[in-house]
Amino acid sequence: MPGVEMSYYTLQTVRHITHWDDKLFSFRCTRDPALHFENGQFVLIGLINGDRPLLRAYSFINADHEPELEFLSIKVPDGALTSKLQLIQPGDEIVVCKAAKGSLVLPDLNPGKRLFLLATGTGLAPFISILRGGEACARFEQVVLVHGVRRVSELAYADELKAFATNPGCHYYPTVTRENFEHRGRIPDLIKSGRLCADLGLAPLDPSNDRVMICGNTDMLKETRTLLESLGFIGSNAKGKPGDFLVENAFAIQKPR
């Protein structure tokens, strides 16, 4: 591609696309063998736009050992990237950065007994990567994945997560805010009211035993962080410095496109 600087990127081929509904899709593509990452991290991906790549941060859904890359994306009709990305077909090429980043990595959590993975929307992606990697269930006695969405059709990967929840000590708690569903409500409200743990038959959140990872929309991140701190949880403030909870801010400050 004349004029496009590709020293920081590779071109990968799309293998499979799943359209979950009119606002959400996922896809798999080939993987550069030189690309390494920790489960829970993200990478810049996108499409060639004239003389430069048009990029956005996406968390890996695949685990670090899997041969293909997998990503989950919203559809923004007038988005500079997603308006085009949602139209990709098997055989098309996408741009993938050579370096991964991200703060949602298990080594940056203090030791504990229970792990709560709190996600809204496409913030689910890094937690599937973590679950597929197997380290979470090996390290913690119980693992709870909470996924908050507006509509039932946005509960991507629900079948996989229901299967995960059949394992001892594993729980999947989907919650919907704008339609009738078994569980309804926003994640911070469900924690504050005690309903989340009560529904699962678990003791309330306790900073002496519990660890938390959070990924999703700005309001959820802010409210949940404040709530956890009020309960005595101490967050990690830098990679390599363990805390009681971890927050991924990269997507909150990134405007949908």
C-alpha atoms as a PDB file:
ATOM      1  CA  MET A   1       0.000   0.000   0.000  1.00  0.00           C
ATOM      2  CA  PRO A   2       1.956   3.010  -1.246  1.00  0.00           C
ATOM      3  CA  GLY A   3       2.163   5.858   1.223  1.00  0.00           C
ATOM      4  CA  VAL A   4       0.996   3.853   4.247  1.00  0.00           C
ATOM      5  CA  GLU A   5       3.556   3.499   7.050  1.00  0.00           C
ATOM      6  CA  MET A   6       3.191  -0.113   8.252  1.00  0.00           C
ATOM      7  CA  SER A   7       6.236  -0.520  10.497  1.00  0.00           C
ATOM      8  CA  TYR A   8       3.996  -0.519  13.593  1.00  0.00           C
ATOM      9  CA  TYR A   9       1.229  -2.694  12.135  1.00  0.00           C
ATOM     10  CA  THR A  10       0.485  -5.942  10.336  1.00  0.00           C
ATOM     11  CA  LEU A  11      -2.286  -6.850   7.916  1.00  0.00           C
ATOM     12  CA  GLN A  12      -4.474  -9.746   9.045  1.00  0.00           C
ATOM     13  CA  THR A  13      -7.226 -11.608   7.183  1.00  0.00           C
ATOM     14  CA  VAL A  14     -10.801 -11.788   8.454  1.00  0.00           C
ATOM     15  CA  ARG A  15     -11.972 -15.390   8.931  1.00  0.00           C
ATOM     16  CA  HIS A  16     -15.458 -15.192  10.466  1.00  0.00           C
ATOM     17  CA  ILE A  17     -18.058 -12.572  11.455  1.00  0.00           C
ATOM     18  CA  THR A  18     -21.004 -12.836  13.868  1.00  0.00           C
ATOM     19  CA  HIS A  19     -23.698 -10.140  13.945  1.00  0.00           C
ATOM     20  CA  TRP A  20     -25.326 -10.385  17.379  1.00  0.00           C
ATOM     21  CA  ASP A  21     -27.919  -7.716  16.592  1.00  0.00           C
ATOM     22  CA  ASP A  22     -28.212  -4.390  14.761  1.00  0.00           C
ATOM     23  CA  LYS A  23     -25.768  -2.714  17.152  1.00  0.00           C
ATOM     24  CA  LEU A  24     -23.185  -5.396  17.927  1.00  0.00           C
ATOM     25  CA  PHE A  25     -20.889  -7.753  16.025  1.00  0.00           C
ATOM     26  CA  SER A  26     -17.742  -9.793  16.554  1.00  0.00           C
ATOM     27  CA  PHE A  27     -15.157 -11.218  14.213  1.00  0.00           C
ATOM     28  CA  ARG A  28     -12.113 -13.459  14.060  1.00  0.00           C
ATOM     29  CA  CYS A  29      -8.986 -12.883  12.008  1.00  0.00           C
ATOM     30  CA  THR A  30      -5.535 -14.337  11.513  1.00  0.00           C
ATOM     31  CA  ARG A  31      -2.788 -13.602  14.024  1.00  0.00           C
ATOM     32  CA  ASP A  32       0.801 -12.514  13.533  1.00  0.00           C
ATOM     33  CA  PRO A  33       2.892 -15.134  15.408  1.00  0.00           C
ATOM     34  CA  ALA A  34       5.024 -12.278  16.770  1.00  0.00           C
ATOM     35  CA  LEU A  35       2.041 -10.629  18.512  1.00  0.00           C
ATOM     36  CA  HIS A  36       2.141 -11.331  22.248  1.00  0.00           C
ATOM     37  CA  PHE A  37      -0.222 -10.078  24.941  1.00  0.00           C
ATOM     38  CA  GLU A  38      -1.576 -10.820  28.393  1.00  0.00           C
ATOM     39  CA  ASN A  39      -5.159 -11.993  28.703  1.00  0.00           C
ATOM     40  CA  GLY A  40      -7.298  -8.918  29.411  1.00  0.00           C
ATOM     41  CA  GLN A  41      -5.277  -6.498  27.285  1.00  0.00           C
ATOM     42  CA  PHE A  42      -6.213  -4.601  24.115  1.00  0.00           C
ATOM     43  CA  VAL A  43      -4.655  -3.618  20.801  1.00  0.00           C
ATOM     44  CA  LEU A  44      -5.252  -0.950  18.161  1.00  0.00           C
ATOM     45  CA  ILE A  45      -6.974  -2.352  15.080  1.00  0.00           C
ATOM     46  CA  GLY A  46      -8.675  -0.805  12.083  1.00  0.00           C
ATOM     47  CA  LEU A  47      -8.743  -0.240   8.355  1.00  0.00           C
ATOM     48  CA  ILE A  48      -6.602   1.603   5.840  1.00  0.00           C
ATOM     49  CA  ASN A  49      -8.008   5.084   5.270  1.00  0.00           C
ATOM     50  CA  GLY A  50      -6.224   6.833   2.426  1.00  0.00           C
ATOM     51  CA  ASP A  51      -2.560   7.134   3.349  1.00  0.00           C
ATOM     52  CA  ARG A  52      -2.878   6.046   6.986  1.00  0.00           C
ATOM     53  CA  PRO A  53      -4.648   3.442   9.147  1.00  0.00           C
ATOM     54  CA  LEU A  54      -7.855   4.462  10.930  1.00  0.00           C
ATOM     55  CA  LEU A  55      -7.514   2.778  14.320  1.00  0.00           C
ATOM     56  CA  ARG A  56      -9.442   2.139  17.531  1.00  0.00           C
ATOM     57  CA  ALA A  57      -8.630   0.196  20.702  1.00  0.00           C
ATOM     58  CA  TYR A  58     -10.232  -3.250  20.950  1.00  0.00           C
ATOM     59  CA  SER A  59      -9.782  -5.816  23.696  1.00  0.00           C
ATOM     60  CA  PHE A  60      -8.820  -9.329  22.710  1.00  0.00           C
ATOM     61  CA  ILE A  61     -11.595 -11.867  23.207  1.00  0.00           C
ATOM     62  CA  ASN A  62      -9.283 -14.751  22.397  1.00  0.00           C
ATOM     63  CA  ALA A  63      -6.896 -16.082  25.006  1.00  0.00           C
ATOM     64  CA  ASP A  64      -3.172 -15.621  24.544  1.00  0.00           C
ATOM     65  CA  HIS A  65      -2.690 -19.240  23.426  1.00  0.00           C
ATOM     66  CA  GLU A  66      -5.345 -19.209  20.687  1.00  0.00           C
ATOM     67  CA  PRO A  67      -4.167 -19.053  17.045  1.00  0.00           C
ATOM     68  CA  GLU A  68      -6.716 -16.491  15.821  1.00  0.00           C
ATOM     69  CA  LEU A  69      -7.586 -13.020  17.102  1.00  0.00           C
ATOM     70  CA  GLU A  70     -11.169 -12.237  18.076  1.00  0.00           C
ATOM     71  CA  PHE A  71     -12.822  -8.862  18.737  1.00  0.00           C
ATOM     72  CA  LEU A  72     -16.233  -7.486  19.755  1.00  0.00           C
ATOM     73  CA  SER A  73     -17.469  -4.170  18.356  1.00  0.00           C
ATOM     74  CA  ILE A  74     -20.437  -1.842  18.436  1.00  0.00           C
ATOM     75  CA  LYS A  75     -21.947  -0.508  15.214  1.00  0.00           C
ATOM     76  CA  VAL A  76     -21.966   3.272  14.893  1.00  0.00           C
ATOM     77  CA  PRO A  77     -23.836   4.203  11.669  1.00  0.00           C
ATOM     78  CA  ASP A  78     -21.875   7.426  11.141  1.00  0.00           C
ATOM     79  CA  GLY A  79     -18.685   6.282  12.868  1.00  0.00           C
ATOM     80  CA  ALA A  80     -15.506   6.873  10.907  1.00  0.00           C
ATOM     81  CA  LEU A  81     -14.298   3.320  11.593  1.00  0.00           C
ATOM     82  CA  THR A  82     -17.199   1.146  12.732  1.00  0.00           C
ATOM     83  CA  SER A  83     -19.474   2.234   9.872  1.00  0.00           C
ATOM     84  CA  LYS A  84     -16.963   0.474   7.598  1.00  0.00           C
ATOM     85  CA  LEU A  85     -15.713  -2.227   9.961  1.00  0.00           C
ATOM     86  CA  GLN A  86     -19.209  -3.674  10.397  1.00  0.00           C
ATOM     87  CA  LEU A  87     -19.272  -4.388   6.649  1.00  0.00           C
ATOM     88  CA  ILE A  88     -16.154  -6.584   6.576  1.00  0.00           C
ATOM     89  CA  GLN A  89     -16.388 -10.034   5.013  1.00  0.00           C
ATOM     90  CA  PRO A  90     -14.231 -13.174   5.267  1.00  0.00           C
ATOM     91  CA  GLY A  91     -11.117 -12.605   3.194  1.00  0.00           C
ATOM     92  CA  ASP A  92     -10.952  -8.859   3.862  1.00  0.00           C
ATOM     93  CA  GLU A  93      -7.867  -7.412   5.534  1.00  0.00           C
ATOM     94  CA  ILE A  94      -7.675  -5.380   8.727  1.00  0.00           C
ATOM     95  CA  VAL A  95      -4.784  -3.537  10.341  1.00  0.00           C
ATOM     96  CA  VAL A  96      -3.508  -4.782  13.722  1.00  0.00           C
ATOM     97  CA  CYS A  97      -0.914  -2.939  15.800  1.00  0.00           C
ATOM     98  CA  LYS A  98       2.170  -4.963  16.750  1.00  0.00           C
ATOM     99  CA  ALA A  99       2.022  -3.972  20.451  1.00  0.00           C
ATOM    100  CA  ALA A 100      -0.698  -4.730  23.013  1.00  0.00           C
ATOM    101  CA  LYS A 101      -1.541  -2.589  26.050  1.00  0.00           C
ATOM    102  CA  GLY A 102      -3.966  -2.563  28.956  1.00  0.00           C
ATOM    103  CA  SER A 103      -4.335  -2.653  32.718  1.00  0.00           C
ATOM    104  CA  LEU A 104      -6.739  -5.586  33.187  1.00  0.00           C
ATOM    105  CA  VAL A 105      -4.152  -8.256  33.945  1.00  0.00           C
ATOM    106  CA  LEU A 106      -4.447 -10.763  36.782  1.00  0.00           C
ATOM    107  CA  PRO A 107      -0.886 -10.302  38.132  1.00  0.00           C
ATOM    108  CA  ASP A 108      -1.876  -6.746  39.129  1.00  0.00           C
ATOM    109  CA  LEU A 109      -4.486  -8.000  41.597  1.00  0.00           C
ATOM    110  CA  ASN A 110      -3.680  -8.740  45.217  1.00  0.00           C
ATOM    111  CA  PRO A 111      -4.263 -12.342  46.352  1.00  0.00           C
ATOM    112  CA  GLY A 112      -7.891 -13.104  47.193  1.00  0.00           C
ATOM    113  CA  LYS A 113     -10.590 -15.753  47.250  1.00  0.00           C
ATOM    114  CA  ARG A 114     -13.241 -14.346  44.901  1.00  0.00           C
ATOM    115  CA  LEU A 115     -12.876 -12.499  41.601  1.00  0.00           C
ATOM    116  CA  PHE A 116     -15.648 -10.238  40.291  1.00  0.00           C
ATOM    117  CA  LEU A 117     -15.475  -9.277  36.601  1.00  0.00           C
ATOM    118  CA  LEU A 118     -17.812  -6.322  36.004  1.00  0.00           C
ATOM    119  CA  ALA A 119     -18.577  -5.336  32.406  1.00  0.00           C
ATOM    120  CA  THR A 120     -21.023  -3.258  30.420  1.00  0.00           C
ATOM    121  CA  GLY A 121     -21.475  -3.628  26.662  1.00  0.00           C
ATOM    122  CA  THR A 122     -18.330  -4.518  24.750  1.00  0.00           C
ATOM    123  CA  GLY A 123     -16.398  -4.214  28.010  1.00  0.00           C
ATOM    124  CA  LEU A 124     -17.161  -7.927  28.224  1.00  0.00           C
ATOM    125  CA  ALA A 125     -14.362  -8.748  25.768  1.00  0.00           C
ATOM    126  CA  PRO A 126     -11.279  -8.719  28.043  1.00  0.00           C
ATOM    127  CA  PHE A 127     -13.044 -10.891  30.588  1.00  0.00           C
ATOM    128  CA  ILE A 128     -13.789 -13.619  28.058  1.00  0.00           C
ATOM    129  CA  SER A 129     -10.079 -13.592  27.222  1.00  0.00           C
ATOM    130  CA  ILE A 130      -9.269 -13.950  30.925  1.00  0.00           C
ATOM    131  CA  LEU A 131     -11.770 -16.785  31.385  1.00  0.00           C
ATOM    132  CA  ARG A 132     -10.556 -18.637  28.295  1.00  0.00           C
ATOM    133  CA  GLY A 133      -7.003 -18.339  29.572  1.00  0.00           C
ATOM    134  CA  GLY A 134      -7.878 -20.402  32.643  1.00  0.00           C
ATOM    135  CA  GLU A 135      -5.766 -18.457  35.143  1.00  0.00           C
ATOM    136  CA  ALA A 136      -8.733 -16.862  36.908  1.00  0.00           C
ATOM    137  CA  CYS A 137     -10.363 -20.143  37.876  1.00  0.00           C
ATOM    138  CA  ALA A 138      -7.000 -21.578  38.885  1.00  0.00           C
ATOM    139  CA  ARG A 139      -6.161 -18.645  41.139  1.00  0.00           C
ATOM    140  CA  PHE A 140      -9.542 -17.861  42.746  1.00  0.00           C
ATOM    141  CA  GLU A 141     -12.010 -20.078  44.581  1.00  0.00           C
ATOM    142  CA  GLN A 142     -14.933 -18.309  42.919  1.00  0.00           C
ATOM    143  CA  VAL A 143     -15.199 -16.223  39.739  1.00  0.00           C
ATOM    144  CA  VAL A 144     -18.248 -14.039  39.058  1.00  0.00           C
ATOM    145  CA  LEU A 145     -18.798 -12.427  35.650  1.00  0.00           C
ATOM    146  CA  VAL A 146     -21.428  -9.674  35.566  1.00  0.00           C
ATOM    147  CA  HIS A 147     -22.483  -8.305  32.159  1.00  0.00           C
ATOM    148  CA  GLY A 148     -24.765  -5.282  31.968  1.00  0.00           C
ATOM    149  CA  VAL A 149     -26.500  -4.283  28.711  1.00  0.00           C
ATOM    150  CA  ARG A 150     -29.552  -2.321  27.587  1.00  0.00           C
ATOM    151  CA  ARG A 151     -31.228  -5.038  25.516  1.00  0.00           C
ATOM    152  CA  VAL A 152     -31.313  -8.827  25.790  1.00  0.00           C
ATOM    153  CA  SER A 153     -29.958  -9.179  22.234  1.00  0.00           C
ATOM    154  CA  GLU A 154     -26.758  -7.447  23.381  1.00  0.00           C
ATOM    155  CA  LEU A 155     -25.845 -10.329  25.718  1.00  0.00           C
ATOM    156  CA  ALA A 156     -23.093 -11.546  23.415  1.00  0.00           C
ATOM    157  CA  TYR A 157     -21.398 -14.878  24.136  1.00  0.00           C
ATOM    158  CA  ALA A 158     -24.187 -15.814  26.566  1.00  0.00           C
ATOM    159  CA  ASP A 159     -24.071 -19.514  25.649  1.00  0.00           C
ATOM    160  CA  GLU A 160     -20.325 -19.680  26.276  1.00  0.00           C
ATOM    161  CA  LEU A 161     -20.716 -17.880  29.589  1.00  0.00           C
ATOM    162  CA  LYS A 162     -23.589 -20.107  30.693  1.00  0.00           C
ATOM    163  CA  ALA A 163     -21.341 -23.097  30.006  1.00  0.00           C
ATOM    164  CA  PHE A 164     -18.569 -21.437  32.031  1.00  0.00           C
ATOM    165  CA  ALA A 165     -21.003 -21.047  34.936  1.00  0.00           C
ATOM    166  CA  THR A 166     -21.539 -24.819  35.121  1.00  0.00           C
ATOM    167  CA  ASN A 167     -18.024 -25.172  36.545  1.00  0.00           C
ATOM    168  CA  PRO A 168     -17.670 -25.278  40.344  1.00  0.00           C
ATOM    169  CA  GLY A 169     -17.329 -21.797  41.847  1.00  0.00           C
ATOM    170  CA  CYS A 170     -18.126 -20.020  38.573  1.00  0.00           C
ATOM    171  CA  HIS A 171     -21.043 -17.611  38.124  1.00  0.00           C
ATOM    172  CA  TYR A 172     -22.526 -15.670  35.189  1.00  0.00           C
ATOM    173  CA  TYR A 173     -24.881 -12.791  36.003  1.00  0.00           C
ATOM    174  CA  PRO A 174     -26.343 -11.005  32.945  1.00  0.00           C
ATOM    175  CA  THR A 175     -28.409  -7.919  33.695  1.00  0.00           C
ATOM    176  CA  VAL A 176     -30.555  -5.770  31.379  1.00  0.00           C
ATOM    177  CA  THR A 177     -31.729  -2.188  31.926  1.00  0.00           C
ATOM    178  CA  ARG A 178     -34.297  -1.461  29.194  1.00  0.00           C
ATOM    179  CA  GLU A 179     -36.193  -4.721  28.688  1.00  0.00           C
ATOM    180  CA  ASN A 180     -37.824  -7.331  30.885  1.00  0.00           C
ATOM    181  CA  PHE A 181     -35.322  -9.945  32.008  1.00  0.00           C
ATOM    182  CA  GLU A 182     -34.552 -12.223  34.943  1.00  0.00           C
ATOM    183  CA  HIS A 183     -31.999  -9.725  36.271  1.00  0.00           C
ATOM    184  CA  ARG A 184     -32.568  -6.004  35.785  1.00  0.00           C
ATOM    185  CA  GLY A 185     -30.582  -2.975  36.869  1.00  0.00           C
ATOM    186  CA  ARG A 186     -27.276  -1.158  36.596  1.00  0.00           C
ATOM    187  CA  ILE A 187     -24.204  -2.823  38.036  1.00  0.00           C
ATOM    188  CA  PRO A 188     -23.362  -0.144  40.657  1.00  0.00           C
ATOM    189  CA  ASP A 189     -26.964  -0.184  41.891  1.00  0.00           C
ATOM    190  CA  LEU A 190     -27.017  -3.982  42.101  1.00  0.00           C
ATOM    191  CA  ILE A 191     -23.860  -3.936  44.208  1.00  0.00           C
ATOM    192  CA  LYS A 192     -24.981  -1.079  46.440  1.00  0.00           C
ATOM    193  CA  SER A 193     -28.364  -2.661  47.147  1.00  0.00           C
ATOM    194  CA  GLY A 194     -26.792  -6.039  47.863  1.00  0.00           C
ATOM    195  CA  ARG A 195     -28.991  -7.663  45.245  1.00  0.00           C
ATOM    196  CA  LEU A 196     -26.119  -8.946  43.098  1.00  0.00           C
ATOM    197  CA  CYS A 197     -24.566 -11.101  45.798  1.00  0.00           C
ATOM    198  CA  ALA A 198     -27.959 -12.048  47.236  1.00  0.00           C
ATOM    199  CA  ASP A 199     -29.179 -13.334  43.861  1.00  0.00           C
ATOM    200  CA  LEU A 200     -26.058 -15.493  43.580  1.00  0.00           C
ATOM    201  CA  GLY A 201     -26.249 -16.706  47.166  1.00  0.00           C
ATOM    202  CA  LEU A 202     -22.916 -15.094  47.985  1.00  0.00           C
ATOM    203  CA  ALA A 203     -21.679 -13.031  50.915  1.00  0.00           C
ATOM    204  CA  PRO A 204     -21.436  -9.251  50.283  1.00  0.00           C
ATOM    205  CA  LEU A 205     -18.313  -7.797  48.701  1.00  0.00           C
ATOM    206  CA  ASP A 206     -15.412  -7.752  51.161  1.00  0.00           C
ATOM    207  CA  PRO A 207     -12.019  -6.121  50.456  1.00  0.00           C
ATOM    208  CA  SER A 208     -10.247  -8.720  52.592  1.00  0.00           C
ATOM    209  CA  ASN A 209     -11.300 -11.567  50.273  1.00  0.00           C
ATOM    210  CA  ASP A 210     -12.578 -10.109  47.007  1.00  0.00           C
ATOM    211  CA  ARG A 211     -10.863  -8.716  43.922  1.00  0.00           C
ATOM    212  CA  VAL A 212     -12.575  -6.798  41.145  1.00  0.00           C
ATOM    213  CA  MET A 213     -11.888  -5.941  37.497  1.00  0.00           C
ATOM    214  CA  ILE A 214     -14.024  -3.325  35.730  1.00  0.00           C
ATOM    215  CA  CYS A 215     -14.492  -2.467  32.044  1.00  0.00           C
ATOM    216  CA  GLY A 216     -17.318  -0.552  30.403  1.00  0.00           C
ATOM    217  CA  ASN A 217     -18.934   2.840  30.027  1.00  0.00           C
ATOM    218  CA  THR A 218     -17.683   5.958  31.790  1.00  0.00           C
ATOM    219  CA  ASP A 219     -20.525   6.277  34.290  1.00  0.00           C
ATOM    220  CA  MET A 220     -20.278   2.652  35.374  1.00  0.00           C
ATOM    221  CA  LEU A 221     -16.513   2.900  35.838  1.00  0.00           C
ATOM    222  CA  LYS A 222     -16.756   6.074  37.892  1.00  0.00           C
ATOM    223  CA  GLU A 223     -19.646   4.932  40.081  1.00  0.00           C
ATOM    224  CA  THR A 224     -18.255   1.455  40.690  1.00  0.00           C
ATOM    225  CA  ARG A 225     -14.797   2.774  41.535  1.00  0.00           C
ATOM    226  CA  THR A 226     -16.289   5.222  44.038  1.00  0.00           C
ATOM    227  CA  LEU A 227     -18.473   2.504  45.535  1.00  0.00           C
ATOM    228  CA  LEU A 228     -15.582   0.062  45.922  1.00  0.00           C
ATOM    229  CA  GLU A 229     -13.407   2.714  47.541  1.00  0.00           C
ATOM    230  CA  SER A 230     -16.208   3.478  49.997  1.00  0.00           C
ATOM    231  CA  LEU A 231     -16.199  -0.212  50.934  1.00  0.00           C
ATOM    232  CA  GLY A 232     -12.464  -0.152  51.630  1.00  0.00           C
ATOM    233  CA  PHE A 233     -11.099  -1.500  48.347  1.00  0.00           C
ATOM    234  CA  ILE A 234      -7.810   0.001  47.130  1.00  0.00           C
ATOM    235  CA  GLY A 235      -7.301   0.226  43.381  1.00  0.00           C
ATOM    236  CA  SER A 236      -4.093  -0.395  41.472  1.00  0.00           C
ATOM    237  CA  ASN A 237      -2.720   2.950  40.272  1.00  0.00           C
ATOM    238  CA  ALA A 238      -0.162   1.623  37.795  1.00  0.00           C
ATOM    239  CA  LYS A 239       0.731  -1.536  35.909  1.00  0.00           C
ATOM    240  CA  GLY A 240       2.960  -3.704  38.048  1.00  0.00           C
ATOM    241  CA  LYS A 241       1.522  -2.290  41.289  1.00  0.00           C
ATOM    242  CA  PRO A 242      -1.154  -4.722  42.549  1.00  0.00           C
ATOM    243  CA  GLY A 243      -4.404  -3.523  44.080  1.00  0.00           C
ATOM    244  CA  ASP A 244      -7.777  -4.847  45.182  1.00  0.00           C
ATOM    245  CA  PHE A 245      -9.397  -3.739  41.929  1.00  0.00           C
ATOM    246  CA  LEU A 246      -8.431  -2.796  38.373  1.00  0.00           C
ATOM    247  CA  VAL A 247     -10.148  -0.410  35.956  1.00  0.00           C
ATOM    248  CA  GLU A 248      -9.640  -0.185  32.191  1.00  0.00           C
ATOM    249  CA  ASN A 249     -10.019   3.486  31.245  1.00  0.00           C
ATOM    250  CA  ALA A 250      -8.863   3.281  27.627  1.00  0.00           C
ATOM    251  CA  PHE A 251     -12.348   2.698  26.232  1.00  0.00           C
ATOM    252  CA  ALA A 252     -14.088   5.202  28.480  1.00  0.00           C
ATOM    253  CA  ILE A 253     -12.023   8.068  27.071  1.00  0.00           C
ATOM    254  CA  GLN A 254     -12.270   6.799  23.500  1.00  0.00           C
ATOM    255  CA  LYS A 255     -15.236   8.217  21.614  1.00  0.00           C
ATOM    256  CA  PRO A 256     -17.302   5.691  19.596  1.00  0.00           C
ATOM    257  CA  ARG A 257     -16.341   5.835  15.956  1.00  0.00           C
END
